[in-house]
Structures are given as C-alpha cells and as structure tokens.
Amino acid sequence: MERIEERADRFAEQEKLLRRLLVQGLGGDAVAYQQFLKALSAHLRAYFRRRLFQRMDEAEDLVQETLLAVHNQRHTYRPDQALTAWVHAIARYKFIDLLRASNSREALTEPLDDELELFASSDSEALEAKRDLDKLLAGLPDRQRLPIVHVKLEGLSVQETATLTGLSESAVKIGVHRGLKVLAARIRDKT
C-alpha cells in the first residue's frame, strides 16, 4: 500500500516540476524550457521503450517527434489543466501514427490509455535491472564508470561530462568505449 502512495507522490512531484518548468518556459524563460524538454524526454523515452522494447530506434524517433509536437503545440497548453494528460495525448497519437505507418500491432504491448504510465516510476523488473547495472558499474574504475553513467545513463553530452568529471573529451569517449567493452565481457562470462 505504501508503494502506491510513494508512486503517487513521485508522480505528483514530477507533474508539478514539469508544469512549473513549462509555464516558466512559456513566459520566456529559455533555461526553464530547456530543462522541461530534457526532463520530459527522459520520461518519454521510458514510456516508448516499454512499448517498443524490440525497436529502440523507433522509440527514440517517437521521443523526438513527440518533443517536436509538444514544442509546436505549446501554445495550446493551459496551465490550469494537467500536463500529464496533455503530453500523454500527444505521445499517444504519435505512437498510434507509428503503428499505422508500420501496419503492425505487435508493438502494442500495453494499453495506451493509462496516462499515469507516462510519468510513472519503473516497475520491479526495472529496479532489479538498475541494481544489477549498479553492481556491474561498481566494478569499473572511475575513468570508465563516470563517463558511462553521465553519457549513457544520464544523457549528458561528452563535453558536459568532461566538464563535470574533469576528464578531457577524448578521455570521456575512451572511458565509455572501454567501459562498455569490459561490461559486455563480464555479462558474456556470466551467461
């Protein structure tokens, strides 16, 4: 019972944060609007990847198309309405468009009508996967682990990661490449 309440609280906090950033962005705050798009893209990515787990390229395309549609339709958002419902409607239509275009219903693995899923935290499988990933990453030296965490998991650019970690951009790229290679070898050895 407590998990449901925690999830609802997290959802409400995400809703408030994203709505505040969007409203500030609509008011002319470019930094807030950029933060809104970045945060929203993370939620959209999880939303579409859950539905298109075998077609990750298409999931990423849908993230970009949805962000573009949100940007183009931002003038239609009313601050008194739930941001979740507004974004979910756009994301849902983009997903349906993909299904129509590919003429494939196999990608539909979950109902499209649950708007709470857009900002929902991941389920227990994702938590287990995160725990496993954290264990794997813990075995890497910082020069490999930090670039992977920042670039691949948090979505920062190589330049942002270099600034954050104090590594050169080349070292960040090399760290990601070598770290992923080590992780792949460890995973292969365990299977």
C-alpha atoms as a PDB file:
ATOM      1  CA  MET A   1       0.000   0.000   0.000  1.00  0.00           C
ATOM      2  CA  GLU A   2       2.839   2.367   0.836  1.00  0.00           C
ATOM      3  CA  ARG A   3       4.440   1.776  -2.569  1.00  0.00           C
ATOM      4  CA  ILE A   4       1.321   3.017  -4.328  1.00  0.00           C
ATOM      5  CA  GLU A   5       1.317   6.159  -2.190  1.00  0.00           C
ATOM      6  CA  GLU A   6       5.033   6.729  -2.830  1.00  0.00           C
ATOM      7  CA  ARG A   7       4.472   6.301  -6.549  1.00  0.00           C
ATOM      8  CA  ALA A   8       1.567   8.734  -6.477  1.00  0.00           C
ATOM      9  CA  ASP A   9       3.687  11.249  -4.557  1.00  0.00           C
ATOM     10  CA  ARG A  10       6.544  10.903  -7.067  1.00  0.00           C
ATOM     11  CA  PHE A  11       4.093  11.325  -9.908  1.00  0.00           C
ATOM     12  CA  ALA A  12       2.607  14.457  -8.334  1.00  0.00           C
ATOM     13  CA  GLU A  13       6.078  15.938  -7.780  1.00  0.00           C
ATOM     14  CA  GLN A  14       7.096  15.243 -11.387  1.00  0.00           C
ATOM     15  CA  GLU A  15       3.851  16.745 -12.619  1.00  0.00           C
ATOM     16  CA  LYS A  16       4.398  19.926 -10.560  1.00  0.00           C
ATOM     17  CA  LEU A  17       8.040  20.273 -11.591  1.00  0.00           C
ATOM     18  CA  LEU A  18       7.379  19.767 -15.293  1.00  0.00           C
ATOM     19  CA  ARG A  19       4.337  22.060 -15.251  1.00  0.00           C
ATOM     20  CA  ARG A  20       6.325  24.781 -13.472  1.00  0.00           C
ATOM     21  CA  LEU A  21       9.189  24.500 -15.987  1.00  0.00           C
ATOM     22  CA  LEU A  22       6.794  24.597 -18.939  1.00  0.00           C
ATOM     23  CA  VAL A  23       4.889  27.609 -17.616  1.00  0.00           C
ATOM     24  CA  GLN A  24       8.181  29.424 -16.975  1.00  0.00           C
ATOM     25  CA  GLY A  25       9.301  28.489 -20.476  1.00  0.00           C
ATOM     26  CA  LEU A  26       6.066  29.789 -21.950  1.00  0.00           C
ATOM     27  CA  GLY A  27       6.736  33.001 -20.067  1.00  0.00           C
ATOM     28  CA  GLY A  28      10.052  33.415 -21.870  1.00  0.00           C
ATOM     29  CA  ASP A  29      12.492  31.584 -19.572  1.00  0.00           C
ATOM     30  CA  ALA A  30      14.612  29.693 -22.125  1.00  0.00           C
ATOM     31  CA  VAL A  31      16.613  27.821 -19.475  1.00  0.00           C
ATOM     32  CA  ALA A  32      13.455  26.524 -17.785  1.00  0.00           C
ATOM     33  CA  TYR A  33      12.043  25.479 -21.148  1.00  0.00           C
ATOM     34  CA  GLN A  34      15.238  23.602 -21.999  1.00  0.00           C
ATOM     35  CA  GLN A  35      15.088  21.851 -18.608  1.00  0.00           C
ATOM     36  CA  PHE A  36      11.448  20.973 -19.281  1.00  0.00           C
ATOM     37  CA  LEU A  37      12.287  19.392 -22.644  1.00  0.00           C
ATOM     38  CA  LYS A  38      15.238  17.473 -21.199  1.00  0.00           C
ATOM     39  CA  ALA A  39      13.209  16.104 -18.277  1.00  0.00           C
ATOM     40  CA  LEU A  40      10.246  15.320 -20.494  1.00  0.00           C
ATOM     41  CA  SER A  41      12.453  13.476 -22.987  1.00  0.00           C
ATOM     42  CA  ALA A  42      13.613  11.107 -20.222  1.00  0.00           C
ATOM     43  CA  HIS A  43      10.000  10.268 -19.339  1.00  0.00           C
ATOM     44  CA  LEU A  44       9.000   9.872 -22.975  1.00  0.00           C
ATOM     45  CA  ARG A  45      11.995   7.636 -23.645  1.00  0.00           C
ATOM     46  CA  ALA A  46      10.978   5.263 -20.833  1.00  0.00           C
ATOM     47  CA  TYR A  47       7.337   5.381 -21.950  1.00  0.00           C
ATOM     48  CA  PHE A  48       8.091   4.461 -25.567  1.00  0.00           C
ATOM     49  CA  ARG A  49      10.846   1.963 -24.789  1.00  0.00           C
ATOM     50  CA  ARG A  50       8.427  -0.030 -22.649  1.00  0.00           C
ATOM     51  CA  ARG A  51       6.121  -0.276 -25.637  1.00  0.00           C
ATOM     52  CA  LEU A  52       8.743  -0.744 -28.333  1.00  0.00           C
ATOM     53  CA  PHE A  53      11.356  -2.740 -26.477  1.00  0.00           C
ATOM     54  CA  GLN A  54      12.441  -4.589 -29.627  1.00  0.00           C
ATOM     55  CA  ARG A  55      12.531  -1.444 -31.759  1.00  0.00           C
ATOM     56  CA  MET A  56      14.637   1.046 -29.797  1.00  0.00           C
ATOM     57  CA  ASP A  57      15.429   3.201 -32.844  1.00  0.00           C
ATOM     58  CA  GLU A  58      11.730   3.769 -33.412  1.00  0.00           C
ATOM     59  CA  ALA A  59      11.260   4.560 -29.723  1.00  0.00           C
ATOM     60  CA  GLU A  60      13.919   7.269 -29.964  1.00  0.00           C
ATOM     61  CA  ASP A  61      12.304   8.617 -33.146  1.00  0.00           C
ATOM     62  CA  LEU A  62       8.990   8.831 -31.297  1.00  0.00           C
ATOM     63  CA  VAL A  63      10.635  10.718 -28.439  1.00  0.00           C
ATOM     64  CA  GLN A  64      11.938  13.306 -30.891  1.00  0.00           C
ATOM     65  CA  GLU A  65       8.643  13.540 -32.794  1.00  0.00           C
ATOM     66  CA  THR A  66       6.701  13.953 -29.565  1.00  0.00           C
ATOM     67  CA  LEU A  67       9.063  16.634 -28.274  1.00  0.00           C
ATOM     68  CA  LEU A  68       8.693  18.472 -31.564  1.00  0.00           C
ATOM     69  CA  ALA A  69       4.899  18.188 -31.372  1.00  0.00           C
ATOM     70  CA  VAL A  70       4.922  19.415 -27.755  1.00  0.00           C
ATOM     71  CA  HIS A  71       7.067  22.354 -28.834  1.00  0.00           C
ATOM     72  CA  ASN A  72       4.855  23.162 -31.824  1.00  0.00           C
ATOM     73  CA  GLN A  73       1.657  22.855 -29.786  1.00  0.00           C
ATOM     74  CA  ARG A  74       2.902  24.520 -26.598  1.00  0.00           C
ATOM     75  CA  HIS A  75       0.576  27.461 -27.227  1.00  0.00           C
ATOM     76  CA  THR A  76      -2.405  25.100 -26.732  1.00  0.00           C
ATOM     77  CA  TYR A  77      -1.375  24.099 -23.204  1.00  0.00           C
ATOM     78  CA  ARG A  78      -3.483  25.676 -20.482  1.00  0.00           C
ATOM     79  CA  PRO A  79      -1.719  25.955 -17.100  1.00  0.00           C
ATOM     80  CA  ASP A  80      -4.947  25.001 -15.296  1.00  0.00           C
ATOM     81  CA  GLN A  81      -5.017  21.568 -16.972  1.00  0.00           C
ATOM     82  CA  ALA A  82      -2.936  18.526 -16.079  1.00  0.00           C
ATOM     83  CA  LEU A  83       0.310  18.486 -18.006  1.00  0.00           C
ATOM     84  CA  THR A  84       0.315  14.691 -17.918  1.00  0.00           C
ATOM     85  CA  ALA A  85      -2.942  14.385 -19.819  1.00  0.00           C
ATOM     86  CA  TRP A  86      -1.866  16.933 -22.415  1.00  0.00           C
ATOM     87  CA  VAL A  87       1.534  15.308 -23.065  1.00  0.00           C
ATOM     88  CA  HIS A  88       0.049  11.812 -22.946  1.00  0.00           C
ATOM     89  CA  ALA A  89      -2.442  12.692 -25.665  1.00  0.00           C
ATOM     90  CA  ILE A  90       0.358  13.900 -27.924  1.00  0.00           C
ATOM     91  CA  ALA A  91       2.546  10.863 -27.175  1.00  0.00           C
ATOM     92  CA  ARG A  92      -0.365   8.502 -27.712  1.00  0.00           C
ATOM     93  CA  TYR A  93      -1.178   9.971 -31.133  1.00  0.00           C
ATOM     94  CA  LYS A  94       2.469   9.729 -32.186  1.00  0.00           C
ATOM     95  CA  PHE A  95       2.532   6.095 -31.097  1.00  0.00           C
ATOM     96  CA  ILE A  96      -0.683   5.321 -32.979  1.00  0.00           C
ATOM     97  CA  ASP A  97       0.730   7.047 -36.063  1.00  0.00           C
ATOM     98  CA  LEU A  98       3.763   4.747 -35.873  1.00  0.00           C
ATOM     99  CA  LEU A  99       1.548   1.684 -35.616  1.00  0.00           C
ATOM    100  CA  ARG A 100      -0.492   2.794 -38.600  1.00  0.00           C
ATOM    101  CA  ALA A 101       2.607   3.561 -40.628  1.00  0.00           C
ATOM    102  CA  SER A 102       4.231   0.221 -39.873  1.00  0.00           C
ATOM    103  CA  ASN A 103       0.876  -1.542 -40.171  1.00  0.00           C
ATOM    104  CA  SER A 104       1.928  -3.622 -37.190  1.00  0.00           C
ATOM    105  CA  ARG A 105       0.012  -4.170 -33.981  1.00  0.00           C
ATOM    106  CA  GLU A 106       2.740  -6.322 -32.421  1.00  0.00           C
ATOM    107  CA  ALA A 107       4.451  -3.257 -30.951  1.00  0.00           C
ATOM    108  CA  LEU A 108       1.453  -2.592 -28.753  1.00  0.00           C
ATOM    109  CA  THR A 109       2.350  -4.406 -25.546  1.00  0.00           C
ATOM    110  CA  GLU A 110       0.365  -2.300 -23.084  1.00  0.00           C
ATOM    111  CA  PRO A 111      -2.839  -0.299 -23.158  1.00  0.00           C
ATOM    112  CA  LEU A 112      -2.413   3.242 -24.429  1.00  0.00           C
ATOM    113  CA  ASP A 113      -4.989   4.792 -22.149  1.00  0.00           C
ATOM    114  CA  ASP A 114      -3.029   4.909 -18.890  1.00  0.00           C
ATOM    115  CA  GLU A 115      -1.697   8.462 -18.793  1.00  0.00           C
ATOM    116  CA  LEU A 116      -0.124   7.827 -15.383  1.00  0.00           C
ATOM    117  CA  GLU A 117       2.325   5.497 -17.095  1.00  0.00           C
ATOM    118  CA  LEU A 118       3.950   8.435 -18.816  1.00  0.00           C
ATOM    119  CA  PHE A 119       5.480   9.736 -15.584  1.00  0.00           C
ATOM    120  CA  ALA A 120       5.355   6.510 -13.608  1.00  0.00           C
ATOM    121  CA  SER A 121       8.436   5.137 -11.977  1.00  0.00           C
ATOM    122  CA  SER A 122       9.670   1.864 -13.328  1.00  0.00           C
ATOM    123  CA  ASP A 123       8.367  -1.434 -12.149  1.00  0.00           C
ATOM    124  CA  SER A 124      10.205  -4.032 -10.085  1.00  0.00           C
ATOM    125  CA  GLU A 125      11.954  -5.525 -13.122  1.00  0.00           C
ATOM    126  CA  ALA A 126      13.492  -2.178 -13.938  1.00  0.00           C
ATOM    127  CA  LEU A 127      14.569  -1.753 -10.316  1.00  0.00           C
ATOM    128  CA  GLU A 128      16.226  -5.158 -10.407  1.00  0.00           C
ATOM    129  CA  ALA A 129      17.924  -4.260 -13.681  1.00  0.00           C
ATOM    130  CA  LYS A 130      19.155  -0.996 -12.161  1.00  0.00           C
ATOM    131  CA  ARG A 131      20.514  -2.858  -9.142  1.00  0.00           C
ATOM    132  CA  ASP A 132      22.331  -5.297 -11.452  1.00  0.00           C
ATOM    133  CA  LEU A 133      23.692  -2.453 -13.539  1.00  0.00           C
ATOM    134  CA  ASP A 134      24.869  -0.626 -10.431  1.00  0.00           C
ATOM    135  CA  LYS A 135      26.756  -3.762  -9.345  1.00  0.00           C
ATOM    136  CA  LEU A 136      28.401  -4.073 -12.750  1.00  0.00           C
ATOM    137  CA  LEU A 137      29.333  -0.395 -12.837  1.00  0.00           C
ATOM    138  CA  ALA A 138      30.745  -0.506  -9.309  1.00  0.00           C
ATOM    139  CA  GLY A 139      33.470  -2.830 -10.568  1.00  0.00           C
ATOM    140  CA  LEU A 140      34.738  -0.281 -13.095  1.00  0.00           C
ATOM    141  CA  PRO A 141      37.358   2.354 -12.385  1.00  0.00           C
ATOM    142  CA  ASP A 142      36.022   5.931 -12.174  1.00  0.00           C
ATOM    143  CA  ARG A 143      37.570   6.887 -15.537  1.00  0.00           C
ATOM    144  CA  GLN A 144      35.225   4.327 -17.175  1.00  0.00           C
ATOM    145  CA  ARG A 145      32.279   4.272 -14.775  1.00  0.00           C
ATOM    146  CA  LEU A 146      31.659   8.026 -14.603  1.00  0.00           C
ATOM    147  CA  PRO A 147      31.611   8.583 -18.386  1.00  0.00           C
ATOM    148  CA  ILE A 148      29.175   5.682 -18.821  1.00  0.00           C
ATOM    149  CA  VAL A 149      26.910   6.962 -16.057  1.00  0.00           C
ATOM    150  CA  HIS A 150      26.868  10.546 -17.288  1.00  0.00           C
ATOM    151  CA  VAL A 151      26.814   9.991 -21.057  1.00  0.00           C
ATOM    152  CA  LYS A 152      24.898   6.744 -21.479  1.00  0.00           C
ATOM    153  CA  LEU A 153      22.605   6.738 -18.458  1.00  0.00           C
ATOM    154  CA  GLU A 154      22.008  10.416 -17.701  1.00  0.00           C
ATOM    155  CA  GLY A 155      22.158  11.564 -21.318  1.00  0.00           C
ATOM    156  CA  LEU A 156      24.756  14.281 -20.843  1.00  0.00           C
ATOM    157  CA  SER A 157      26.934  15.262 -23.766  1.00  0.00           C
ATOM    158  CA  VAL A 158      30.597  14.318 -23.931  1.00  0.00           C
ATOM    159  CA  GLN A 159      31.503  17.965 -23.376  1.00  0.00           C
ATOM    160  CA  GLU A 160      29.217  18.274 -20.319  1.00  0.00           C
ATOM    161  CA  THR A 161      30.645  15.043 -18.900  1.00  0.00           C
ATOM    162  CA  ALA A 162      34.212  16.258 -19.448  1.00  0.00           C
ATOM    163  CA  THR A 163      33.442  19.481 -17.602  1.00  0.00           C
ATOM    164  CA  LEU A 164      31.695  17.644 -14.779  1.00  0.00           C
ATOM    165  CA  THR A 165      34.375  14.969 -14.275  1.00  0.00           C
ATOM    166  CA  GLY A 166      37.478  16.964 -15.113  1.00  0.00           C
ATOM    167  CA  LEU A 167      38.407  14.496 -17.847  1.00  0.00           C
ATOM    168  CA  SER A 168      39.200  15.538 -21.397  1.00  0.00           C
ATOM    169  CA  GLU A 169      36.557  14.906 -24.056  1.00  0.00           C
ATOM    170  CA  SER A 170      38.788  12.224 -25.572  1.00  0.00           C
ATOM    171  CA  ALA A 171      39.148  10.551 -22.181  1.00  0.00           C
ATOM    172  CA  VAL A 172      35.364  10.561 -21.782  1.00  0.00           C
ATOM    173  CA  LYS A 173      34.878   8.894 -25.183  1.00  0.00           C
ATOM    174  CA  ILE A 174      37.611   6.344 -24.472  1.00  0.00           C
ATOM    175  CA  GLY A 175      36.191   5.688 -20.993  1.00  0.00           C
ATOM    176  CA  VAL A 176      32.744   4.987 -22.423  1.00  0.00           C
ATOM    177  CA  HIS A 177      34.120   2.715 -25.134  1.00  0.00           C
ATOM    178  CA  ARG A 178      36.455   0.722 -22.881  1.00  0.00           C
ATOM    179  CA  GLY A 179      33.967   0.563 -20.019  1.00  0.00           C
ATOM    180  CA  LEU A 180      31.199  -0.795 -22.242  1.00  0.00           C
ATOM    181  CA  LYS A 181      33.622  -3.326 -23.661  1.00  0.00           C
ATOM    182  CA  VAL A 182      34.519  -4.525 -20.146  1.00  0.00           C
ATOM    183  CA  LEU A 183      30.850  -4.677 -19.131  1.00  0.00           C
ATOM    184  CA  ALA A 184      29.947  -6.669 -22.234  1.00  0.00           C
ATOM    185  CA  ALA A 185      32.715  -9.166 -21.486  1.00  0.00           C
ATOM    186  CA  ARG A 186      31.552  -9.543 -17.880  1.00  0.00           C
ATOM    187  CA  ILE A 187      27.970 -10.102 -18.964  1.00  0.00           C
ATOM    188  CA  ARG A 188      29.045 -12.685 -21.555  1.00  0.00           C
ATOM    189  CA  ASP A 189      31.084 -14.514 -18.909  1.00  0.00           C
ATOM    190  CA  LYS A 190      28.077 -14.719 -16.577  1.00  0.00           C
ATOM    191  CA  THR A 191      25.772 -16.239 -19.206  1.00  0.00           C
END
